[in-house]
Amino acid sequence: MKENKLAELSIDFSVQIINLVKELKAKHETVISNQIGRSATSIGANIREANYAHSRADFISKLQIALKECYETEYWLELMRKSELISADISSALLILLILVYLCALFL
């Protein structure tokens, strides 16, 4: 199968978020952890779906949804950082990976 850097990056990002969600749930923080878990993993799911789109319009639609999920995930990361649920270092590392996913999707 052809290498797909965007799909690979989105999986890596999802794994990092899943690990973060596990840590947050261990601290009994479920509201925001559920939200970021859904939005962050949806990015990769929509990218995967785009690879099997039925038309160019369907492909574009799936990537637009993935980009919207990037924006939502960015919001949850910022909220968690500002409310001190995660450190600035963790937030920065995750935002860098999120930006890479976003840029790859934009220029695909």
PDB file of N, CA and C in Angstrom:
ATOM      1  N   MET A   1       0.840  -1.186   0.000  1.00  0.00           N
ATOM      2  CA  MET A   1       0.000   0.000   0.000  1.00  0.00           C
ATOM      3  C   MET A   1       0.884   1.248   0.000  1.00  0.00           C
ATOM      4  N   LYS A   2       0.464   2.249  -0.720  1.00  0.00           N
ATOM      5  CA  LYS A   2       1.207   3.509  -0.817  1.00  0.00           C
ATOM      6  C   LYS A   2       1.280   4.198   0.548  1.00  0.00           C
ATOM      7  N   GLU A   3       2.455   4.746   0.849  1.00  0.00           N
ATOM      8  CA  GLU A   3       2.621   5.465   2.110  1.00  0.00           C
ATOM      9  C   GLU A   3       1.728   6.704   2.124  1.00  0.00           C
ATOM     10  N   ASN A   4       1.058   6.897   3.235  1.00  0.00           N
ATOM     11  CA  ASN A   4       0.180   8.052   3.391  1.00  0.00           C
ATOM     12  C   ASN A   4       0.593   8.761   4.675  1.00  0.00           C
ATOM     13  N   LYS A   5       1.415   9.787   4.531  1.00  0.00           N
ATOM     14  CA  LYS A   5       1.960  10.508   5.683  1.00  0.00           C
ATOM     15  C   LYS A   5       0.857  11.120   6.537  1.00  0.00           C
ATOM     16  N   LEU A   6      -0.182  11.623   5.899  1.00  0.00           N
ATOM     17  CA  LEU A   6      -1.289  12.225   6.632  1.00  0.00           C
ATOM     18  C   LEU A   6      -1.979  11.189   7.520  1.00  0.00           C
ATOM     19  N   ALA A   7      -2.252  10.024   6.976  1.00  0.00           N
ATOM     20  CA  ALA A   7      -2.900   8.962   7.759  1.00  0.00           C
ATOM     21  C   ALA A   7      -1.986   8.540   8.919  1.00  0.00           C
ATOM     22  N   GLU A   8      -0.701   8.433   8.642  1.00  0.00           N
ATOM     23  CA  GLU A   8       0.268   8.042   9.673  1.00  0.00           C
ATOM     24  C   GLU A   8       0.328   9.076  10.800  1.00  0.00           C
ATOM     25  N   LEU A   9       0.397  10.348  10.437  1.00  0.00           N
ATOM     26  CA  LEU A   9       0.431  11.421  11.440  1.00  0.00           C
ATOM     27  C   LEU A   9      -0.854  11.461  12.269  1.00  0.00           C
ATOM     28  N   SER A  10      -1.988  11.259  11.606  1.00  0.00           N
ATOM     29  CA  SER A  10      -3.253  11.312  12.334  1.00  0.00           C
ATOM     30  C   SER A  10      -3.378  10.149  13.310  1.00  0.00           C
ATOM     31  N   ILE A  11      -2.846   8.986  12.955  1.00  0.00           N
ATOM     32  CA  ILE A  11      -2.845   7.841  13.884  1.00  0.00           C
ATOM     33  C   ILE A  11      -1.940   8.147  15.066  1.00  0.00           C
ATOM     34  N   ASP A  12      -0.742   8.665  14.805  1.00  0.00           N
ATOM     35  CA  ASP A  12       0.185   9.016  15.887  1.00  0.00           C
ATOM     36  C   ASP A  12      -0.445  10.028  16.839  1.00  0.00           C
ATOM     37  N   PHE A  13      -1.121  11.018  16.269  1.00  0.00           N
ATOM     38  CA  PHE A  13      -1.781  12.031  17.092  1.00  0.00           C
ATOM     39  C   PHE A  13      -2.888  11.400  17.932  1.00  0.00           C
ATOM     40  N   SER A  14      -3.683  10.537  17.321  1.00  0.00           N
ATOM     41  CA  SER A  14      -4.772   9.875  18.051  1.00  0.00           C
ATOM     42  C   SER A  14      -4.241   9.042  19.210  1.00  0.00           C
ATOM     43  N   VAL A  15      -3.144   8.356  18.986  1.00  0.00           N
ATOM     44  CA  VAL A  15      -2.545   7.544  20.058  1.00  0.00           C
ATOM     45  C   VAL A  15      -2.120   8.430  21.225  1.00  0.00           C
ATOM     46  N   GLN A  16      -1.505   9.573  20.912  1.00  0.00           N
ATOM     47  CA  GLN A  16      -1.097  10.501  21.971  1.00  0.00           C
ATOM     48  C   GLN A  16      -2.310  11.018  22.746  1.00  0.00           C
ATOM     49  N   ILE A  17      -3.381  11.312  22.044  1.00  0.00           N
ATOM     50  CA  ILE A  17      -4.595  11.800  22.707  1.00  0.00           C
ATOM     51  C   ILE A  17      -5.227  10.698  23.545  1.00  0.00           C
ATOM     52  N   ILE A  18      -5.257   9.483  23.033  1.00  0.00           N
ATOM     53  CA  ILE A  18      -5.814   8.366  23.806  1.00  0.00           C
ATOM     54  C   ILE A  18      -5.050   8.194  25.108  1.00  0.00           C
ATOM     55  N   ASN A  19      -3.726   8.305  25.045  1.00  0.00           N
ATOM     56  CA  ASN A  19      -2.923   8.209  26.268  1.00  0.00           C
ATOM     57  C   ASN A  19      -3.237   9.355  27.227  1.00  0.00           C
ATOM     58  N   LEU A  20      -3.423  10.559  26.687  1.00  0.00           N
ATOM     59  CA  LEU A  20      -3.797  11.703  27.514  1.00  0.00           C
ATOM     60  C   LEU A  20      -5.163  11.473  28.161  1.00  0.00           C
ATOM     61  N   VAL A  21      -6.104  10.969  27.391  1.00  0.00           N
ATOM     62  CA  VAL A  21      -7.450  10.702  27.915  1.00  0.00           C
ATOM     63  C   VAL A  21      -7.384   9.689  29.059  1.00  0.00           C
ATOM     64  N   LYS A  22      -6.565   8.660  28.910  1.00  0.00           N
ATOM     65  CA  LYS A  22      -6.395   7.667  29.985  1.00  0.00           C
ATOM     66  C   LYS A  22      -5.902   8.339  31.268  1.00  0.00           C
ATOM     67  N   GLU A  23      -4.913   9.227  31.118  1.00  0.00           N
ATOM     68  CA  GLU A  23      -4.377   9.936  32.287  1.00  0.00           C
ATOM     69  C   GLU A  23      -5.438  10.823  32.935  1.00  0.00           C
ATOM     70  N   LEU A  24      -6.186  11.536  32.117  1.00  0.00           N
ATOM     71  CA  LEU A  24      -7.224  12.419  32.650  1.00  0.00           C
ATOM     72  C   LEU A  24      -8.326  11.633  33.349  1.00  0.00           C
ATOM     73  N   LYS A  25      -8.719  10.516  32.771  1.00  0.00           N
ATOM     74  CA  LYS A  25      -9.770   9.706  33.385  1.00  0.00           C
ATOM     75  C   LYS A  25      -9.298   9.081  34.697  1.00  0.00           C
ATOM     76  N   ALA A  26      -8.011   8.789  34.788  1.00  0.00           N
ATOM     77  CA  ALA A  26      -7.456   8.269  36.041  1.00  0.00           C
ATOM     78  C   ALA A  26      -7.557   9.319  37.154  1.00  0.00           C
ATOM     79  N   LYS A  27      -7.585  10.590  36.734  1.00  0.00           N
ATOM     80  CA  LYS A  27      -7.734  11.695  37.692  1.00  0.00           C
ATOM     81  C   LYS A  27      -9.207  12.108  37.833  1.00  0.00           C
ATOM     82  N   HIS A  28     -10.091  11.295  37.250  1.00  0.00           N
ATOM     83  CA  HIS A  28     -11.541  11.504  37.313  1.00  0.00           C
ATOM     84  C   HIS A  28     -12.005  12.742  36.554  1.00  0.00           C
ATOM     85  N   GLU A  29     -11.278  13.142  35.524  1.00  0.00           N
ATOM     86  CA  GLU A  29     -11.702  14.235  34.648  1.00  0.00           C
ATOM     87  C   GLU A  29     -12.287  13.583  33.392  1.00  0.00           C
ATOM     88  N   THR A  30     -13.611  13.582  33.305  1.00  0.00           N
ATOM     89  CA  THR A  30     -14.250  12.878  32.194  1.00  0.00           C
ATOM     90  C   THR A  30     -14.880  13.791  31.151  1.00  0.00           C
ATOM     91  N   VAL A  31     -15.366  14.938  31.541  1.00  0.00           N
ATOM     92  CA  VAL A  31     -16.095  15.794  30.596  1.00  0.00           C
ATOM     93  C   VAL A  31     -15.200  16.222  29.441  1.00  0.00           C
ATOM     94  N   ILE A  32     -14.111  16.883  29.748  1.00  0.00           N
ATOM     95  CA  ILE A  32     -13.221  17.376  28.686  1.00  0.00           C
ATOM     96  C   ILE A  32     -12.465  16.226  28.035  1.00  0.00           C
ATOM     97  N   SER A  33     -12.098  15.220  28.806  1.00  0.00           N
ATOM     98  CA  SER A  33     -11.376  14.094  28.207  1.00  0.00           C
ATOM     99  C   SER A  33     -12.242  13.382  27.172  1.00  0.00           C
ATOM    100  N   ASN A  34     -13.535  13.264  27.430  1.00  0.00           N
ATOM    101  CA  ASN A  34     -14.429  12.658  26.434  1.00  0.00           C
ATOM    102  C   ASN A  34     -14.516  13.519  25.180  1.00  0.00           C
ATOM    103  N   GLN A  35     -14.597  14.828  25.369  1.00  0.00           N
ATOM    104  CA  GLN A  35     -14.718  15.741  24.228  1.00  0.00           C
ATOM    105  C   GLN A  35     -13.478  15.686  23.333  1.00  0.00           C
ATOM    106  N   ILE A  36     -12.303  15.796  23.944  1.00  0.00           N
ATOM    107  CA  ILE A  36     -11.086  15.802  23.121  1.00  0.00           C
ATOM    108  C   ILE A  36     -10.842  14.419  22.523  1.00  0.00           C
ATOM    109  N   GLY A  37     -11.218  13.388  23.243  1.00  0.00           N
ATOM    110  CA  GLY A  37     -11.074  12.034  22.703  1.00  0.00           C
ATOM    111  C   GLY A  37     -11.881  11.853  21.430  1.00  0.00           C
ATOM    112  N   ARG A  38     -13.101  12.349  21.436  1.00  0.00           N
ATOM    113  CA  ARG A  38     -13.960  12.233  20.251  1.00  0.00           C
ATOM    114  C   ARG A  38     -13.450  13.087  19.094  1.00  0.00           C
ATOM    115  N   SER A  39     -13.145  14.356  19.361  1.00  0.00           N
ATOM    116  CA  SER A  39     -12.747  15.240  18.253  1.00  0.00           C
ATOM    117  C   SER A  39     -11.394  14.826  17.665  1.00  0.00           C
ATOM    118  N   ALA A  40     -10.450  14.465  18.515  1.00  0.00           N
ATOM    119  CA  ALA A  40      -9.106  14.127  18.036  1.00  0.00           C
ATOM    120  C   ALA A  40      -9.081  12.831  17.230  1.00  0.00           C
ATOM    121  N   THR A  41      -9.810  11.819  17.688  1.00  0.00           N
ATOM    122  CA  THR A  41      -9.805  10.560  16.944  1.00  0.00           C
ATOM    123  C   THR A  41     -10.656  10.649  15.685  1.00  0.00           C
ATOM    124  N   SER A  42     -11.587  11.580  15.654  1.00  0.00           N
ATOM    125  CA  SER A  42     -12.400  11.794  14.453  1.00  0.00           C
ATOM    126  C   SER A  42     -11.564  12.327  13.297  1.00  0.00           C
ATOM    127  N   ILE A  43     -10.497  13.029  13.605  1.00  0.00           N
ATOM    128  CA  ILE A  43      -9.616  13.559  12.558  1.00  0.00           C
ATOM    129  C   ILE A  43      -9.115  12.407  11.687  1.00  0.00           C
ATOM    130  N   GLY A  44      -8.512  11.422  12.320  1.00  0.00           N
ATOM    131  CA  GLY A  44      -7.969  10.282  11.583  1.00  0.00           C
ATOM    132  C   GLY A  44      -9.033   9.449  10.896  1.00  0.00           C
ATOM    133  N   ALA A  45     -10.188   9.307  11.554  1.00  0.00           N
ATOM    134  CA  ALA A  45     -11.273   8.528  10.950  1.00  0.00           C
ATOM    135  C   ALA A  45     -11.751   9.174   9.653  1.00  0.00           C
ATOM    136  N   ASN A  46     -11.872  10.487   9.654  1.00  0.00           N
ATOM    137  CA  ASN A  46     -12.314  11.184   8.439  1.00  0.00           C
ATOM    138  C   ASN A  46     -11.237  11.172   7.356  1.00  0.00           C
ATOM    139  N   ILE A  47      -9.989  11.234   7.755  1.00  0.00           N
ATOM    140  CA  ILE A  47      -8.896  11.129   6.784  1.00  0.00           C
ATOM    141  C   ILE A  47      -8.913   9.748   6.140  1.00  0.00           C
ATOM    142  N   ARG A  48      -9.118   8.717   6.944  1.00  0.00           N
ATOM    143  CA  ARG A  48      -9.189   7.352   6.425  1.00  0.00           C
ATOM    144  C   ARG A  48     -10.365   7.218   5.457  1.00  0.00           C
ATOM    145  N   GLU A  49     -11.508   7.774   5.831  1.00  0.00           N
ATOM    146  CA  GLU A  49     -12.678   7.727   4.949  1.00  0.00           C
ATOM    147  C   GLU A  49     -12.416   8.469   3.641  1.00  0.00           C
ATOM    148  N   ALA A  50     -11.699   9.568   3.706  1.00  0.00           N
ATOM    149  CA  ALA A  50     -11.399  10.343   2.494  1.00  0.00           C
ATOM    150  C   ALA A  50     -10.614   9.509   1.489  1.00  0.00           C
ATOM    151  N   ASN A  51      -9.769   8.624   1.985  1.00  0.00           N
ATOM    152  CA  ASN A  51      -8.985   7.767   1.093  1.00  0.00           C
ATOM    153  C   ASN A  51      -9.860   6.844   0.258  1.00  0.00           C
ATOM    154  N   TYR A  52     -11.072   6.600   0.713  1.00  0.00           N
ATOM    155  CA  TYR A  52     -11.982   5.706   0.009  1.00  0.00           C
ATOM    156  C   TYR A  52     -13.239   6.440  -0.458  1.00  0.00           C
ATOM    157  N   ALA A  53     -13.092   7.714  -0.734  1.00  0.00           N
ATOM    158  CA  ALA A  53     -14.220   8.543  -1.166  1.00  0.00           C
ATOM    159  C   ALA A  53     -14.750   8.064  -2.517  1.00  0.00           C
ATOM    160  N   HIS A  54     -16.050   8.279  -2.725  1.00  0.00           N
ATOM    161  CA  HIS A  54     -16.697   7.870  -3.965  1.00  0.00           C
ATOM    162  C   HIS A  54     -16.509   8.881  -5.085  1.00  0.00           C
ATOM    163  N   SER A  55     -16.168  10.100  -4.713  1.00  0.00           N
ATOM    164  CA  SER A  55     -16.000  11.157  -5.713  1.00  0.00           C
ATOM    165  C   SER A  55     -15.046  12.202  -5.157  1.00  0.00           C
ATOM    166  N   ARG A  56     -14.652  13.108  -6.011  1.00  0.00           N
ATOM    167  CA  ARG A  56     -13.789  14.211  -5.568  1.00  0.00           C
ATOM    168  C   ARG A  56     -14.509  15.059  -4.522  1.00  0.00           C
ATOM    169  N   ALA A  57     -15.803  15.298  -4.723  1.00  0.00           N
ATOM    170  CA  ALA A  57     -16.586  16.083  -3.761  1.00  0.00           C
ATOM    171  C   ALA A  57     -16.649  15.389  -2.405  1.00  0.00           C
ATOM    172  N   ASP A  58     -16.802  14.070  -2.420  1.00  0.00           N
ATOM    173  CA  ASP A  58     -16.835  13.293  -1.175  1.00  0.00           C
ATOM    174  C   ASP A  58     -15.477  13.368  -0.477  1.00  0.00           C
ATOM    175  N   PHE A  59     -14.395  13.267  -1.253  1.00  0.00           N
ATOM    176  CA  PHE A  59     -13.035  13.372  -0.722  1.00  0.00           C
ATOM    177  C   PHE A  59     -12.825  14.720  -0.031  1.00  0.00           C
ATOM    178  N   ILE A  60     -13.213  15.787  -0.718  1.00  0.00           N
ATOM    179  CA  ILE A  60     -13.058  17.139  -0.166  1.00  0.00           C
ATOM    180  C   ILE A  60     -13.897  17.294   1.095  1.00  0.00           C
ATOM    181  N   SER A  61     -15.104  16.778   1.065  1.00  0.00           N
ATOM    182  CA  SER A  61     -15.998  16.877   2.227  1.00  0.00           C
ATOM    183  C   SER A  61     -15.391  16.197   3.452  1.00  0.00           C
ATOM    184  N   LYS A  62     -14.846  15.012   3.266  1.00  0.00           N
ATOM    185  CA  LYS A  62     -14.244  14.279   4.394  1.00  0.00           C
ATOM    186  C   LYS A  62     -13.046  15.036   4.965  1.00  0.00           C
ATOM    187  N   LEU A  63     -12.231  15.605   4.088  1.00  0.00           N
ATOM    188  CA  LEU A  63     -11.074  16.365   4.578  1.00  0.00           C
ATOM    189  C   LEU A  63     -11.508  17.652   5.265  1.00  0.00           C
ATOM    190  N   GLN A  64     -12.576  18.271   4.793  1.00  0.00           N
ATOM    191  CA  GLN A  64     -13.090  19.471   5.464  1.00  0.00           C
ATOM    192  C   GLN A  64     -13.585  19.125   6.867  1.00  0.00           C
ATOM    193  N   ILE A  65     -14.219  17.985   7.017  1.00  0.00           N
ATOM    194  CA  ILE A  65     -14.663  17.547   8.343  1.00  0.00           C
ATOM    195  C   ILE A  65     -13.445  17.312   9.240  1.00  0.00           C
ATOM    196  N   ALA A  66     -12.411  16.674   8.692  1.00  0.00           N
ATOM    197  CA  ALA A  66     -11.185  16.439   9.467  1.00  0.00           C
ATOM    198  C   ALA A  66     -10.573  17.759   9.922  1.00  0.00           C
ATOM    199  N   LEU A  67     -10.574  18.762   9.052  1.00  0.00           N
ATOM    200  CA  LEU A  67     -10.022  20.069   9.416  1.00  0.00           C
ATOM    201  C   LEU A  67     -10.855  20.731  10.514  1.00  0.00           C
ATOM    202  N   LYS A  68     -12.171  20.606  10.435  1.00  0.00           N
ATOM    203  CA  LYS A  68     -13.033  21.153  11.491  1.00  0.00           C
ATOM    204  C   LYS A  68     -12.746  20.464  12.825  1.00  0.00           C
ATOM    205  N   GLU A  69     -12.500  19.177  12.775  1.00  0.00           N
ATOM    206  CA  GLU A  69     -12.165  18.451  14.001  1.00  0.00           C
ATOM    207  C   GLU A  69     -10.807  18.903  14.545  1.00  0.00           C
ATOM    208  N   CYS A  70      -9.885  19.283  13.664  1.00  0.00           N
ATOM    209  CA  CYS A  70      -8.599  19.854  14.102  1.00  0.00           C
ATOM    210  C   CYS A  70      -8.834  21.121  14.907  1.00  0.00           C
ATOM    211  N   TYR A  71      -9.708  21.984  14.385  1.00  0.00           N
ATOM    212  CA  TYR A  71     -10.010  23.237  15.095  1.00  0.00           C
ATOM    213  C   TYR A  71     -10.636  22.961  16.457  1.00  0.00           C
ATOM    214  N   GLU A  72     -11.559  22.011  16.503  1.00  0.00           N
ATOM    215  CA  GLU A  72     -12.196  21.696  17.783  1.00  0.00           C
ATOM    216  C   GLU A  72     -11.174  21.127  18.762  1.00  0.00           C
ATOM    217  N   THR A  73     -10.320  20.252  18.289  1.00  0.00           N
ATOM    218  CA  THR A  73      -9.297  19.650  19.148  1.00  0.00           C
ATOM    219  C   THR A  73      -8.346  20.713  19.673  1.00  0.00           C
ATOM    220  N   GLU A  74      -8.000  21.655  18.825  1.00  0.00           N
ATOM    221  CA  GLU A  74      -7.149  22.769  19.248  1.00  0.00           C
ATOM    222  C   GLU A  74      -7.816  23.527  20.402  1.00  0.00           C
ATOM    223  N   TYR A  75      -9.109  23.754  20.287  1.00  0.00           N
ATOM    224  CA  TYR A  75      -9.864  24.435  21.354  1.00  0.00           C
ATOM    225  C   TYR A  75      -9.759  23.662  22.674  1.00  0.00           C
ATOM    226  N   TRP A  76      -9.985  22.351  22.647  1.00  0.00           N
ATOM    227  CA  TRP A  76      -9.940  21.558  23.876  1.00  0.00           C
ATOM    228  C   TRP A  76      -8.537  21.558  24.482  1.00  0.00           C
ATOM    229  N   LEU A  77      -7.510  21.498  23.635  1.00  0.00           N
ATOM    230  CA  LEU A  77      -6.134  21.559  24.151  1.00  0.00           C
ATOM    231  C   LEU A  77      -5.863  22.894  24.837  1.00  0.00           C
ATOM    232  N   GLU A  78      -6.313  23.972  24.212  1.00  0.00           N
ATOM    233  CA  GLU A  78      -6.115  25.298  24.809  1.00  0.00           C
ATOM    234  C   GLU A  78      -6.873  25.407  26.138  1.00  0.00           C
ATOM    235  N   LEU A  79      -8.095  24.924  26.159  1.00  0.00           N
ATOM    236  CA  LEU A  79      -8.890  24.964  27.386  1.00  0.00           C
ATOM    237  C   LEU A  79      -8.237  24.143  28.501  1.00  0.00           C
ATOM    238  N   MET A  80      -7.719  22.978  28.163  1.00  0.00           N
ATOM    239  CA  MET A  80      -7.063  22.137  29.175  1.00  0.00           C
ATOM    240  C   MET A  80      -5.791  22.791  29.692  1.00  0.00           C
ATOM    241  N   ARG A  81      -5.053  23.448  28.800  1.00  0.00           N
ATOM    242  CA  ARG A  81      -3.833  24.139  29.237  1.00  0.00           C
ATOM    243  C   ARG A  81      -4.190  25.302  30.156  1.00  0.00           C
ATOM    244  N   LYS A  82      -5.159  26.120  29.755  1.00  0.00           N
ATOM    245  CA  LYS A  82      -5.524  27.291  30.552  1.00  0.00           C
ATOM    246  C   LYS A  82      -6.168  26.922  31.883  1.00  0.00           C
ATOM    247  N   SER A  83      -6.811  25.774  31.940  1.00  0.00           N
ATOM    248  CA  SER A  83      -7.403  25.331  33.208  1.00  0.00           C
ATOM    249  C   SER A  83      -6.442  24.437  33.997  1.00  0.00           C
ATOM    250  N   GLU A  84      -5.219  24.319  33.483  1.00  0.00           N
ATOM    251  CA  GLU A  84      -4.136  23.575  34.135  1.00  0.00           C
ATOM    252  C   GLU A  84      -4.418  22.084  34.306  1.00  0.00           C
ATOM    253  N   LEU A  85      -5.216  21.533  33.389  1.00  0.00           N
ATOM    254  CA  LEU A  85      -5.396  20.082  33.370  1.00  0.00           C
ATOM    255  C   LEU A  85      -4.189  19.401  32.738  1.00  0.00           C
ATOM    256  N   ILE A  86      -3.512  20.127  31.838  1.00  0.00           N
ATOM    257  CA  ILE A  86      -2.271  19.635  31.247  1.00  0.00           C
ATOM    258  C   ILE A  86      -1.244  20.761  31.295  1.00  0.00           C
ATOM    259  N   SER A  87       0.017  20.376  31.231  1.00  0.00           N
ATOM    260  CA  SER A  87       1.086  21.373  31.281  1.00  0.00           C
ATOM    261  C   SER A  87       1.239  22.061  29.925  1.00  0.00           C
ATOM    262  N   ALA A  88       1.901  23.184  29.944  1.00  0.00           N
ATOM    263  CA  ALA A  88       2.191  23.910  28.706  1.00  0.00           C
ATOM    264  C   ALA A  88       3.051  23.062  27.773  1.00  0.00           C
ATOM    265  N   ASP A  89       3.969  22.268  28.333  1.00  0.00           N
ATOM    266  CA  ASP A  89       4.836  21.412  27.516  1.00  0.00           C
ATOM    267  C   ASP A  89       4.024  20.350  26.773  1.00  0.00           C
ATOM    268  N   ILE A  90       3.117  19.703  27.479  1.00  0.00           N
ATOM    269  CA  ILE A  90       2.272  18.686  26.842  1.00  0.00           C
ATOM    270  C   ILE A  90       1.386  19.327  25.790  1.00  0.00           C
ATOM    271  N   SER A  91       0.783  20.449  26.130  1.00  0.00           N
ATOM    272  CA  SER A  91      -0.072  21.166  25.190  1.00  0.00           C
ATOM    273  C   SER A  91       0.703  21.543  23.931  1.00  0.00           C
ATOM    274  N   SER A  92       1.901  22.070  24.099  1.00  0.00           N
ATOM    275  CA  SER A  92       2.720  22.490  22.957  1.00  0.00           C
ATOM    276  C   SER A  92       3.085  21.307  22.070  1.00  0.00           C
ATOM    277  N   ALA A  93       3.476  20.207  22.680  1.00  0.00           N
ATOM    278  CA  ALA A  93       3.848  19.019  21.901  1.00  0.00           C
ATOM    279  C   ALA A  93       2.663  18.499  21.093  1.00  0.00           C
ATOM    280  N   LEU A  94       1.497  18.456  21.722  1.00  0.00           N
ATOM    281  CA  LEU A  94       0.308  17.978  21.012  1.00  0.00           C
ATOM    282  C   LEU A  94      -0.127  18.960  19.926  1.00  0.00           C
ATOM    283  N   LEU A  95      -0.007  20.252  20.202  1.00  0.00           N
ATOM    284  CA  LEU A  95      -0.375  21.250  19.187  1.00  0.00           C
ATOM    285  C   LEU A  95       0.548  21.183  17.969  1.00  0.00           C
ATOM    286  N   ILE A  96       1.818  20.912  18.186  1.00  0.00           N
ATOM    287  CA  ILE A  96       2.755  20.787  17.063  1.00  0.00           C
ATOM    288  C   ILE A  96       2.346  19.613  16.174  1.00  0.00           C
ATOM    289  N   LEU A  97       2.031  18.476  16.790  1.00  0.00           N
ATOM    290  CA  LEU A  97       1.597  17.314  16.016  1.00  0.00           C
ATOM    291  C   LEU A  97       0.270  17.605  15.309  1.00  0.00           C
ATOM    292  N   LEU A  98      -0.638  18.280  15.996  1.00  0.00           N
ATOM    293  CA  LEU A  98      -1.926  18.651  15.393  1.00  0.00           C
ATOM    294  C   LEU A  98      -1.717  19.572  14.189  1.00  0.00           C
ATOM    295  N   ILE A  99      -0.808  20.520  14.304  1.00  0.00           N
ATOM    296  CA  ILE A  99      -0.524  21.443  13.196  1.00  0.00           C
ATOM    297  C   ILE A  99       0.049  20.683  12.000  1.00  0.00           C
ATOM    298  N   LEU A 100       0.892  19.695  12.258  1.00  0.00           N
ATOM    299  CA  LEU A 100       1.428  18.880  11.162  1.00  0.00           C
ATOM    300  C   LEU A 100       0.306  18.148  10.428  1.00  0.00           C
ATOM    301  N   VAL A 101      -0.623  17.577  11.184  1.00  0.00           N
ATOM    302  CA  VAL A 101      -1.767  16.898  10.575  1.00  0.00           C
ATOM    303  C   VAL A 101      -2.570  17.897   9.745  1.00  0.00           C
ATOM    304  N   TYR A 102      -2.844  19.042  10.330  1.00  0.00           N
ATOM    305  CA  TYR A 102      -3.622  20.097   9.662  1.00  0.00           C
ATOM    306  C   TYR A 102      -2.954  20.524   8.363  1.00  0.00           C
ATOM    307  N   LEU A 103      -1.663  20.790   8.406  1.00  0.00           N
ATOM    308  CA  LEU A 103      -0.951  21.246   7.211  1.00  0.00           C
ATOM    309  C   LEU A 103      -0.922  20.177   6.135  1.00  0.00           C
ATOM    310  N   CYS A 104      -0.721  18.945   6.523  1.00  0.00           N
ATOM    311  CA  CYS A 104      -0.742  17.856   5.536  1.00  0.00           C
ATOM    312  C   CYS A 104      -2.115  17.767   4.874  1.00  0.00           C
ATOM    313  N   ALA A 105      -3.173  17.910   5.668  1.00  0.00           N
ATOM    314  CA  ALA A 105      -4.528  17.841   5.104  1.00  0.00           C
ATOM    315  C   ALA A 105      -4.798  19.023   4.179  1.00  0.00           C
ATOM    316  N   LEU A 106      -4.300  20.180   4.543  1.00  0.00           N
ATOM    317  CA  LEU A 106      -4.523  21.376   3.717  1.00  0.00           C
ATOM    318  C   LEU A 106      -3.872  21.271   2.345  1.00  0.00           C
ATOM    319  N   PHE A 107      -2.697  20.678   2.293  1.00  0.00           N
ATOM    320  CA  PHE A 107      -1.939  20.644   1.056  1.00  0.00           C
ATOM    321  C   PHE A 107      -1.998  19.301   0.346  1.00  0.00           C
ATOM    322  N   LEU A 108      -2.969  18.502   0.703  1.00  0.00           N
ATOM    323  CA  LEU A 108      -3.130  17.200   0.059  1.00  0.00           C
ATOM    324  C   LEU A 108      -3.736  17.349  -1.317  1.00  0.00           C
TER     325      LEU A 108
END
